[in-house]
């Protein structure tokens, strides 16, 4: 985690220094590398520790509930660090009066005029969802091997890329978000 933030901070500092001298525009969003890192870390944790903990006598339920708590704490810490770093970056950019550097949170693309609490919660929820999804994929790879993991990944990619399946999946997600989950599920299954 320290390496990620050192590398990310170095890129932010270099970008701010570079774009303070150039008339080009820079859009700075630090959440995306953080999301990718979270997924990779979760997958590696499951792959390395799952079999070892099971050999020591941990039940799957105990292991998964413990990992849920670990991933929730991980999401909170990563989101908090991102808020602090982005706040400092915004202060530095405004003090240097750099009009060509724009800093955005992911929640800026979702909500209209979000607060710091909304930024924190949005990042924490996305990180938790990504770590939980990578945990699920890691447990599928553990159970069915690398071929099972690749097949699962291919099916997920196909669900979101083929137009025939993409629209029902997006409609299902929108209906779930709007609270029409049960009604839409009955219509979808019939």
C-alpha atoms as a PDB file:
ATOM      1  CA  UNK A   1       0.000   0.000   0.000  1.00  0.00           C
ATOM      2  CA  UNK A   2       2.878   2.328   0.778  1.00  0.00           C
ATOM      3  CA  UNK A   3       4.418   1.661  -2.640  1.00  0.00           C
ATOM      4  CA  UNK A   4       1.131   2.469  -4.398  1.00  0.00           C
ATOM      5  CA  UNK A   5       0.732   5.780  -2.619  1.00  0.00           C
ATOM      6  CA  UNK A   6       4.402   6.760  -3.063  1.00  0.00           C
ATOM      7  CA  UNK A   7       4.187   6.068  -6.800  1.00  0.00           C
ATOM      8  CA  UNK A   8       0.809   7.819  -7.064  1.00  0.00           C
ATOM      9  CA  UNK A   9       2.054  10.848  -5.115  1.00  0.00           C
ATOM     10  CA  UNK A  10       5.141  11.026  -7.328  1.00  0.00           C
ATOM     11  CA  UNK A  11       2.922  11.042 -10.422  1.00  0.00           C
ATOM     12  CA  UNK A  12       0.706  13.755  -8.922  1.00  0.00           C
ATOM     13  CA  UNK A  13       3.688  15.956  -8.038  1.00  0.00           C
ATOM     14  CA  UNK A  14       5.320  15.447 -11.441  1.00  0.00           C
ATOM     15  CA  UNK A  15       2.017  16.145 -13.216  1.00  0.00           C
ATOM     16  CA  UNK A  16       1.409  19.326 -11.236  1.00  0.00           C
ATOM     17  CA  UNK A  17       4.968  20.554 -11.834  1.00  0.00           C
ATOM     18  CA  UNK A  18       4.873  19.630 -15.513  1.00  0.00           C
ATOM     19  CA  UNK A  19       1.460  21.128 -16.214  1.00  0.00           C
ATOM     20  CA  UNK A  20       2.283  24.321 -14.342  1.00  0.00           C
ATOM     21  CA  UNK A  21       4.756  25.034 -17.164  1.00  0.00           C
ATOM     22  CA  UNK A  22       2.563  23.936 -20.102  1.00  0.00           C
ATOM     23  CA  UNK A  23      -0.702  25.299 -21.472  1.00  0.00           C
ATOM     24  CA  UNK A  24      -2.272  21.827 -21.814  1.00  0.00           C
ATOM     25  CA  UNK A  25      -5.133  20.619 -19.611  1.00  0.00           C
ATOM     26  CA  UNK A  26      -4.802  17.839 -17.057  1.00  0.00           C
ATOM     27  CA  UNK A  27      -7.654  15.825 -15.585  1.00  0.00           C
ATOM     28  CA  UNK A  28      -6.493  14.236 -12.328  1.00  0.00           C
ATOM     29  CA  UNK A  29      -8.470  11.289 -10.870  1.00  0.00           C
ATOM     30  CA  UNK A  30      -6.571   9.145  -8.371  1.00  0.00           C
ATOM     31  CA  UNK A  31      -9.391   6.728  -7.635  1.00  0.00           C
ATOM     32  CA  UNK A  32      -8.976   4.566 -10.741  1.00  0.00           C
ATOM     33  CA  UNK A  33      -5.422   3.336  -9.921  1.00  0.00           C
ATOM     34  CA  UNK A  34      -6.606   2.767  -6.377  1.00  0.00           C
ATOM     35  CA  UNK A  35      -9.495   0.582  -7.637  1.00  0.00           C
ATOM     36  CA  UNK A  36      -7.173  -1.490  -9.814  1.00  0.00           C
ATOM     37  CA  UNK A  37      -4.753  -1.924  -6.911  1.00  0.00           C
ATOM     38  CA  UNK A  38      -7.585  -2.998  -4.614  1.00  0.00           C
ATOM     39  CA  UNK A  39      -8.733  -5.707  -6.994  1.00  0.00           C
ATOM     40  CA  UNK A  40      -5.220  -7.057  -7.465  1.00  0.00           C
ATOM     41  CA  UNK A  41      -4.509  -7.067  -3.716  1.00  0.00           C
ATOM     42  CA  UNK A  42      -7.758  -8.863  -2.955  1.00  0.00           C
ATOM     43  CA  UNK A  43      -7.125 -11.524  -5.583  1.00  0.00           C
ATOM     44  CA  UNK A  44      -3.583 -12.112  -4.318  1.00  0.00           C
ATOM     45  CA  UNK A  45      -4.706 -12.292  -0.669  1.00  0.00           C
ATOM     46  CA  UNK A  46      -7.276 -14.966  -1.489  1.00  0.00           C
ATOM     47  CA  UNK A  47      -4.902 -16.924  -3.704  1.00  0.00           C
ATOM     48  CA  UNK A  48      -2.077 -16.944  -1.157  1.00  0.00           C
ATOM     49  CA  UNK A  49      -3.980 -17.305   2.141  1.00  0.00           C
ATOM     50  CA  UNK A  50      -7.189 -19.227   1.457  1.00  0.00           C
ATOM     51  CA  UNK A  51      -5.692 -22.727   1.250  1.00  0.00           C
ATOM     52  CA  UNK A  52      -3.311 -22.055   4.144  1.00  0.00           C
ATOM     53  CA  UNK A  53      -6.135 -20.938   6.456  1.00  0.00           C
ATOM     54  CA  UNK A  54      -8.287 -23.914   5.462  1.00  0.00           C
ATOM     55  CA  UNK A  55      -5.402 -26.286   6.228  1.00  0.00           C
ATOM     56  CA  UNK A  56      -5.094 -24.724   9.673  1.00  0.00           C
ATOM     57  CA  UNK A  57      -8.751 -25.508  10.361  1.00  0.00           C
ATOM     58  CA  UNK A  58     -10.602 -22.331   9.516  1.00  0.00           C
ATOM     59  CA  UNK A  59     -14.075 -22.829   8.136  1.00  0.00           C
ATOM     60  CA  UNK A  60     -15.016 -21.140   4.889  1.00  0.00           C
ATOM     61  CA  UNK A  61     -17.682 -19.088   6.647  1.00  0.00           C
ATOM     62  CA  UNK A  62     -15.215 -17.844   9.284  1.00  0.00           C
ATOM     63  CA  UNK A  63     -12.613 -17.069   6.641  1.00  0.00           C
ATOM     64  CA  UNK A  64     -15.030 -15.171   4.407  1.00  0.00           C
ATOM     65  CA  UNK A  65     -16.516 -13.192   7.321  1.00  0.00           C
ATOM     66  CA  UNK A  66     -13.000 -12.274   8.453  1.00  0.00           C
ATOM     67  CA  UNK A  67     -12.038 -11.253   4.925  1.00  0.00           C
ATOM     68  CA  UNK A  68     -15.211  -9.159   4.685  1.00  0.00           C
ATOM     69  CA  UNK A  69     -14.111  -7.232   7.778  1.00  0.00           C
ATOM     70  CA  UNK A  70     -10.561  -6.906   6.424  1.00  0.00           C
ATOM     71  CA  UNK A  71     -11.818  -5.646   3.058  1.00  0.00           C
ATOM     72  CA  UNK A  72     -14.173  -3.166   4.747  1.00  0.00           C
ATOM     73  CA  UNK A  73     -11.301  -1.803   6.834  1.00  0.00           C
ATOM     74  CA  UNK A  74      -9.079  -1.745   3.739  1.00  0.00           C
ATOM     75  CA  UNK A  75     -11.738   0.209   1.821  1.00  0.00           C
ATOM     76  CA  UNK A  76     -12.118   2.742   4.630  1.00  0.00           C
ATOM     77  CA  UNK A  77      -8.361   3.289   4.936  1.00  0.00           C
ATOM     78  CA  UNK A  78      -7.816   3.588   1.173  1.00  0.00           C
ATOM     79  CA  UNK A  79     -10.729   6.002   0.816  1.00  0.00           C
ATOM     80  CA  UNK A  80      -9.498   8.111   3.724  1.00  0.00           C
ATOM     81  CA  UNK A  81      -5.979   8.304   2.290  1.00  0.00           C
ATOM     82  CA  UNK A  82      -7.409   9.293  -1.100  1.00  0.00           C
ATOM     83  CA  UNK A  83      -9.507  12.068   0.471  1.00  0.00           C
ATOM     84  CA  UNK A  84      -6.473  13.469   2.309  1.00  0.00           C
ATOM     85  CA  UNK A  85      -4.209  13.338  -0.738  1.00  0.00           C
ATOM     86  CA  UNK A  86      -6.820  14.837  -3.047  1.00  0.00           C
ATOM     87  CA  UNK A  87      -7.584  17.626  -0.547  1.00  0.00           C
ATOM     88  CA  UNK A  88      -3.892  18.477  -0.315  1.00  0.00           C
ATOM     89  CA  UNK A  89      -3.604  18.366  -4.120  1.00  0.00           C
ATOM     90  CA  UNK A  90      -6.565  20.722  -4.478  1.00  0.00           C
ATOM     91  CA  UNK A  91      -4.993  23.155  -1.979  1.00  0.00           C
ATOM     92  CA  UNK A  92      -1.641  23.061  -3.807  1.00  0.00           C
ATOM     93  CA  UNK A  93      -3.284  23.534  -7.211  1.00  0.00           C
ATOM     94  CA  UNK A  94      -5.363  26.456  -5.973  1.00  0.00           C
ATOM     95  CA  UNK A  95      -2.375  28.065  -4.226  1.00  0.00           C
ATOM     96  CA  UNK A  96      -0.326  27.805  -7.422  1.00  0.00           C
ATOM     97  CA  UNK A  97      -3.344  29.161  -9.350  1.00  0.00           C
ATOM     98  CA  UNK A  98      -3.199  26.403 -11.964  1.00  0.00           C
ATOM     99  CA  UNK A  99      -6.315  26.744 -14.076  1.00  0.00           C
ATOM    100  CA  UNK A 100      -5.324  23.975 -16.494  1.00  0.00           C
ATOM    101  CA  UNK A 101      -5.224  21.235 -13.827  1.00  0.00           C
ATOM    102  CA  UNK A 102      -8.603  19.860 -12.785  1.00  0.00           C
ATOM    103  CA  UNK A 103      -8.979  17.431  -9.907  1.00  0.00           C
ATOM    104  CA  UNK A 104     -11.972  15.108  -9.798  1.00  0.00           C
ATOM    105  CA  UNK A 105     -13.262  12.432  -7.506  1.00  0.00           C
ATOM    106  CA  UNK A 106     -15.256   9.541  -8.953  1.00  0.00           C
ATOM    107  CA  UNK A 107     -18.317  10.815  -7.098  1.00  0.00           C
ATOM    108  CA  UNK A 108     -18.099  14.059  -9.113  1.00  0.00           C
ATOM    109  CA  UNK A 109     -19.165  12.029 -12.145  1.00  0.00           C
ATOM    110  CA  UNK A 110     -22.071  10.411 -10.263  1.00  0.00           C
ATOM    111  CA  UNK A 111     -23.507  13.093  -7.978  1.00  0.00           C
ATOM    112  CA  UNK A 112     -24.193  16.779  -8.442  1.00  0.00           C
ATOM    113  CA  UNK A 113     -22.010  18.837  -6.067  1.00  0.00           C
ATOM    114  CA  UNK A 114     -20.981  16.067  -3.610  1.00  0.00           C
ATOM    115  CA  UNK A 115     -19.462  16.723  -0.190  1.00  0.00           C
ATOM    116  CA  UNK A 116     -16.319  15.164   1.265  1.00  0.00           C
ATOM    117  CA  UNK A 117     -18.474  12.572   3.027  1.00  0.00           C
ATOM    118  CA  UNK A 118     -20.004  11.559  -0.310  1.00  0.00           C
ATOM    119  CA  UNK A 119     -16.516  11.340  -1.851  1.00  0.00           C
ATOM    120  CA  UNK A 120     -15.381   9.150   1.051  1.00  0.00           C
ATOM    121  CA  UNK A 121     -18.419   6.864   0.939  1.00  0.00           C
ATOM    122  CA  UNK A 122     -18.367   6.487  -2.843  1.00  0.00           C
ATOM    123  CA  UNK A 123     -14.709   5.487  -2.894  1.00  0.00           C
ATOM    124  CA  UNK A 124     -15.157   3.159   0.080  1.00  0.00           C
ATOM    125  CA  UNK A 125     -18.142   1.410  -1.508  1.00  0.00           C
ATOM    126  CA  UNK A 126     -16.412   1.012  -4.870  1.00  0.00           C
ATOM    127  CA  UNK A 127     -13.238  -0.312  -3.254  1.00  0.00           C
ATOM    128  CA  UNK A 128     -15.215  -2.744  -1.109  1.00  0.00           C
ATOM    129  CA  UNK A 129     -17.207  -3.945  -4.128  1.00  0.00           C
ATOM    130  CA  UNK A 130     -14.042  -4.429  -6.184  1.00  0.00           C
ATOM    131  CA  UNK A 131     -12.232  -6.272  -3.387  1.00  0.00           C
ATOM    132  CA  UNK A 132     -15.261  -8.485  -2.755  1.00  0.00           C
ATOM    133  CA  UNK A 133     -15.565  -9.245  -6.483  1.00  0.00           C
ATOM    134  CA  UNK A 134     -11.871 -10.094  -6.712  1.00  0.00           C
ATOM    135  CA  UNK A 135     -12.278 -12.249  -3.596  1.00  0.00           C
ATOM    136  CA  UNK A 136     -15.089 -14.134  -5.311  1.00  0.00           C
ATOM    137  CA  UNK A 137     -12.996 -14.574  -8.441  1.00  0.00           C
ATOM    138  CA  UNK A 138     -10.048 -15.703  -6.312  1.00  0.00           C
ATOM    139  CA  UNK A 139     -12.177 -18.298  -4.541  1.00  0.00           C
ATOM    140  CA  UNK A 140     -13.456 -19.552  -7.925  1.00  0.00           C
ATOM    141  CA  UNK A 141      -9.859 -19.875  -9.100  1.00  0.00           C
ATOM    142  CA  UNK A 142      -9.025 -21.726  -5.869  1.00  0.00           C
ATOM    143  CA  UNK A 143     -11.953 -24.124  -6.271  1.00  0.00           C
ATOM    144  CA  UNK A 144     -11.882 -24.718 -10.048  1.00  0.00           C
ATOM    145  CA  UNK A 145      -8.317 -23.800 -10.951  1.00  0.00           C
ATOM    146  CA  UNK A 146      -7.047 -21.289 -13.426  1.00  0.00           C
ATOM    147  CA  UNK A 147      -9.293 -22.581 -16.209  1.00  0.00           C
ATOM    148  CA  UNK A 148     -12.407 -22.023 -14.058  1.00  0.00           C
ATOM    149  CA  UNK A 149     -11.252 -18.500 -13.275  1.00  0.00           C
ATOM    150  CA  UNK A 150     -10.666 -17.729 -16.932  1.00  0.00           C
ATOM    151  CA  UNK A 151     -14.065 -19.128 -17.906  1.00  0.00           C
ATOM    152  CA  UNK A 152     -15.750 -17.035 -15.196  1.00  0.00           C
ATOM    153  CA  UNK A 153     -13.877 -13.927 -16.322  1.00  0.00           C
ATOM    154  CA  UNK A 154     -14.821 -14.572 -19.944  1.00  0.00           C
ATOM    155  CA  UNK A 155     -18.499 -15.016 -19.033  1.00  0.00           C
ATOM    156  CA  UNK A 156     -18.464 -11.745 -17.078  1.00  0.00           C
ATOM    157  CA  UNK A 157     -16.826  -9.906 -19.962  1.00  0.00           C
ATOM    158  CA  UNK A 158     -19.389 -11.330 -22.378  1.00  0.00           C
ATOM    159  CA  UNK A 159     -22.260 -10.282 -20.105  1.00  0.00           C
ATOM    160  CA  UNK A 160     -21.157  -6.678 -20.292  1.00  0.00           C
ATOM    161  CA  UNK A 161     -20.024  -6.516 -23.920  1.00  0.00           C
ATOM    162  CA  UNK A 162     -22.531  -8.436 -26.040  1.00  0.00           C
ATOM    163  CA  UNK A 163     -25.474  -6.128 -26.825  1.00  0.00           C
ATOM    164  CA  UNK A 164     -28.046  -8.903 -26.329  1.00  0.00           C
ATOM    165  CA  UNK A 165     -26.985  -9.461 -22.710  1.00  0.00           C
ATOM    166  CA  UNK A 166     -25.649  -5.990 -21.976  1.00  0.00           C
ATOM    167  CA  UNK A 167     -29.035  -4.245 -22.061  1.00  0.00           C
ATOM    168  CA  UNK A 168     -30.846  -6.678 -19.689  1.00  0.00           C
ATOM    169  CA  UNK A 169     -27.919  -6.555 -17.245  1.00  0.00           C
ATOM    170  CA  UNK A 170     -27.893  -2.728 -17.303  1.00  0.00           C
ATOM    171  CA  UNK A 171     -31.703  -2.638 -16.952  1.00  0.00           C
ATOM    172  CA  UNK A 172     -31.454  -5.023 -14.008  1.00  0.00           C
ATOM    173  CA  UNK A 173     -28.831  -2.825 -12.311  1.00  0.00           C
ATOM    174  CA  UNK A 174     -30.904   0.320 -12.908  1.00  0.00           C
ATOM    175  CA  UNK A 175     -34.038  -1.387 -11.553  1.00  0.00           C
ATOM    176  CA  UNK A 176     -32.117  -2.566  -8.495  1.00  0.00           C
ATOM    177  CA  UNK A 177     -30.819   0.969  -7.909  1.00  0.00           C
ATOM    178  CA  UNK A 178     -34.337   2.431  -8.266  1.00  0.00           C
ATOM    179  CA  UNK A 179     -35.796  -0.051  -5.766  1.00  0.00           C
ATOM    180  CA  UNK A 180     -37.852  -1.974  -8.295  1.00  0.00           C
ATOM    181  CA  UNK A 181     -35.721  -5.088  -7.827  1.00  0.00           C
ATOM    182  CA  UNK A 182     -38.446  -7.620  -6.974  1.00  0.00           C
ATOM    183  CA  UNK A 183     -40.924  -6.390  -9.569  1.00  0.00           C
ATOM    184  CA  UNK A 184     -38.296  -6.259 -12.301  1.00  0.00           C
ATOM    185  CA  UNK A 185     -36.932  -9.695 -11.346  1.00  0.00           C
ATOM    186  CA  UNK A 186     -40.375 -11.266 -11.765  1.00  0.00           C
ATOM    187  CA  UNK A 187     -40.824  -9.602 -15.166  1.00  0.00           C
ATOM    188  CA  UNK A 188     -37.326 -10.562 -16.243  1.00  0.00           C
ATOM    189  CA  UNK A 189     -37.778 -14.216 -15.309  1.00  0.00           C
ATOM    190  CA  UNK A 190     -41.165 -14.527 -17.057  1.00  0.00           C
END
